[in-house]
Amino acid sequence: MILPAGVHTVELHGTGPARTISVNVVAGTEVAQYVELPKGGPAPGQLQVRTEPAGARVTVDGVPRGASPVTIGDLTPGPHAVALESDSGSSKQTVTISKQARRRRLWCS
């Protein structure tokens, strides 16, 4: 894009709030501006599940995720139904992966 010399305001729109930057164009030169934008959509969160004794079958949102201890690293922010099942019994609870703290730990004994 060719702009006349002078100060220009550039407004960038993405998934978050709009960003505005000021760019000074000097006659006869090229201007480059590096702008880092957040990736689209919410970043996935992580849930670490440990049980005593180890080996409980872990299901998140109805999907089997392995045996404890296990780290599940692809959860979207928000509530998730977690079920644990072993020879000793079963347990169900809801955990919330937040946008700020994208890692949660669940410990059961």
Protein backbone atom coordinates (compact mmCIF):
# COMPACT_ATOMS: atom_id res chain seq x y z
CA MET A 1 0.00 0.00 0.00
CA ILE A 2 1.37 3.41 -0.93
CA LEU A 3 0.65 6.21 1.52
CA PRO A 4 1.60 9.86 1.36
CA ALA A 5 4.31 11.12 3.72
CA GLY A 6 3.14 11.89 7.24
CA VAL A 7 1.71 10.24 10.32
CA HIS A 8 -1.03 7.68 9.73
CA THR A 9 -3.24 5.77 12.15
CA VAL A 10 -3.73 2.06 11.40
CA GLU A 11 -6.53 0.15 13.12
CA LEU A 12 -6.27 -3.64 13.30
CA HIS A 13 -9.25 -5.91 13.92
CA GLY A 14 -9.05 -9.54 14.98
CA THR A 15 -10.70 -11.82 17.51
CA GLY A 16 -9.97 -9.49 20.42
CA PRO A 17 -10.38 -5.77 20.83
CA ALA A 18 -9.23 -3.53 17.97
CA ARG A 19 -5.65 -2.24 18.15
CA THR A 20 -4.55 1.15 16.89
CA ILE A 21 -0.96 1.99 15.97
CA SER A 22 0.61 5.15 14.62
CA VAL A 23 2.92 4.88 11.60
CA ASN A 24 5.16 7.74 10.41
CA VAL A 25 5.84 7.59 6.68
CA VAL A 26 8.87 9.58 5.49
CA ALA A 27 8.93 10.55 1.79
CA GLY A 28 11.05 8.23 -0.35
CA THR A 29 11.32 5.43 2.25
CA GLU A 30 9.62 2.16 3.09
CA VAL A 31 8.11 1.54 6.51
CA ALA A 32 7.69 -1.88 8.13
CA GLN A 33 5.79 -2.43 11.36
CA TYR A 34 5.79 -5.74 13.22
CA VAL A 35 2.48 -6.43 14.96
CA GLU A 36 1.85 -9.55 17.01
CA LEU A 37 -1.80 -10.58 17.06
CA PRO A 38 -3.35 -13.25 19.26
CA LYS A 39 -4.24 -16.53 17.60
CA GLY A 40 -7.89 -16.97 16.77
CA GLY A 41 -10.14 -18.67 19.29
CA PRO A 42 -9.45 -19.45 22.92
CA ALA A 43 -6.19 -21.19 23.73
CA PRO A 44 -6.57 -24.77 24.95
CA GLY A 45 -6.07 -25.53 28.62
CA GLN A 46 -4.52 -28.40 30.51
CA LEU A 47 -5.87 -30.75 33.17
CA GLN A 48 -3.57 -32.91 35.28
CA VAL A 49 -5.28 -35.88 36.92
CA ARG A 50 -3.63 -37.93 39.68
CA THR A 51 -5.27 -40.57 41.82
CA GLU A 52 -4.20 -42.69 44.80
CA PRO A 53 -3.71 -45.42 43.87
CA ALA A 54 -2.71 -44.64 40.31
CA GLY A 55 -4.45 -46.32 37.40
CA ALA A 56 -8.00 -44.95 37.54
CA ARG A 57 -9.65 -44.66 34.14
CA VAL A 58 -10.19 -40.98 33.26
CA THR A 59 -13.03 -39.73 31.07
CA VAL A 60 -13.50 -36.05 30.17
CA ASP A 61 -16.77 -34.95 28.59
CA GLY A 62 -17.59 -38.58 27.83
CA VAL A 63 -14.30 -39.23 26.01
CA PRO A 64 -11.83 -41.76 27.51
CA ARG A 65 -8.48 -40.03 28.18
CA GLY A 66 -6.34 -42.81 29.64
CA ALA A 67 -5.34 -43.89 33.13
CA SER A 68 -4.07 -41.69 35.94
CA PRO A 69 -1.70 -40.05 36.30
CA VAL A 70 -2.53 -38.31 33.02
CA THR A 71 -2.20 -34.80 31.61
CA ILE A 72 -4.89 -33.74 29.15
CA GLY A 73 -3.66 -30.77 27.15
CA ASP A 74 -6.36 -29.87 24.64
CA LEU A 75 -9.30 -28.59 26.70
CA THR A 76 -11.10 -25.39 25.76
CA PRO A 77 -11.72 -22.84 28.52
CA GLY A 78 -14.98 -23.57 30.35
CA PRO A 79 -16.58 -26.39 32.36
CA HIS A 80 -15.74 -30.05 31.71
CA ALA A 81 -17.27 -33.21 33.19
CA VAL A 82 -14.56 -35.48 34.60
CA ALA A 83 -15.25 -39.08 35.58
CA LEU A 84 -12.79 -41.38 37.36
CA GLU A 85 -13.36 -45.11 37.61
CA SER A 86 -11.32 -47.85 39.27
CA ASP A 87 -11.84 -51.14 41.13
CA SER A 88 -12.26 -49.03 44.30
CA GLY A 89 -15.21 -47.07 42.90
CA SER A 90 -16.01 -44.07 40.77
CA SER A 91 -16.18 -40.32 41.08
CA LYS A 92 -17.64 -37.56 38.91
CA GLN A 93 -17.13 -33.82 39.12
CA THR A 94 -17.06 -30.72 36.97
CA VAL A 95 -13.84 -28.76 36.58
CA THR A 96 -13.51 -25.37 34.92
CA ILE A 97 -10.56 -24.45 32.76
CA SER A 98 -10.27 -20.67 32.99
CA LYS A 99 -8.89 -18.32 30.36
CA GLN A 100 -6.40 -16.85 32.85
CA ALA A 101 -5.15 -20.06 34.51
CA ARG A 102 -5.10 -22.61 31.73
CA ARG A 103 -3.90 -25.44 33.94
CA ARG A 104 -5.96 -27.29 36.54
CA ARG A 105 -4.98 -30.16 38.80
CA LEU A 106 -7.39 -32.79 40.02
CA TRP A 107 -6.20 -35.02 42.84
CA CYS A 108 -8.33 -37.87 44.20
CA SER A 109 -7.55 -40.48 46.81
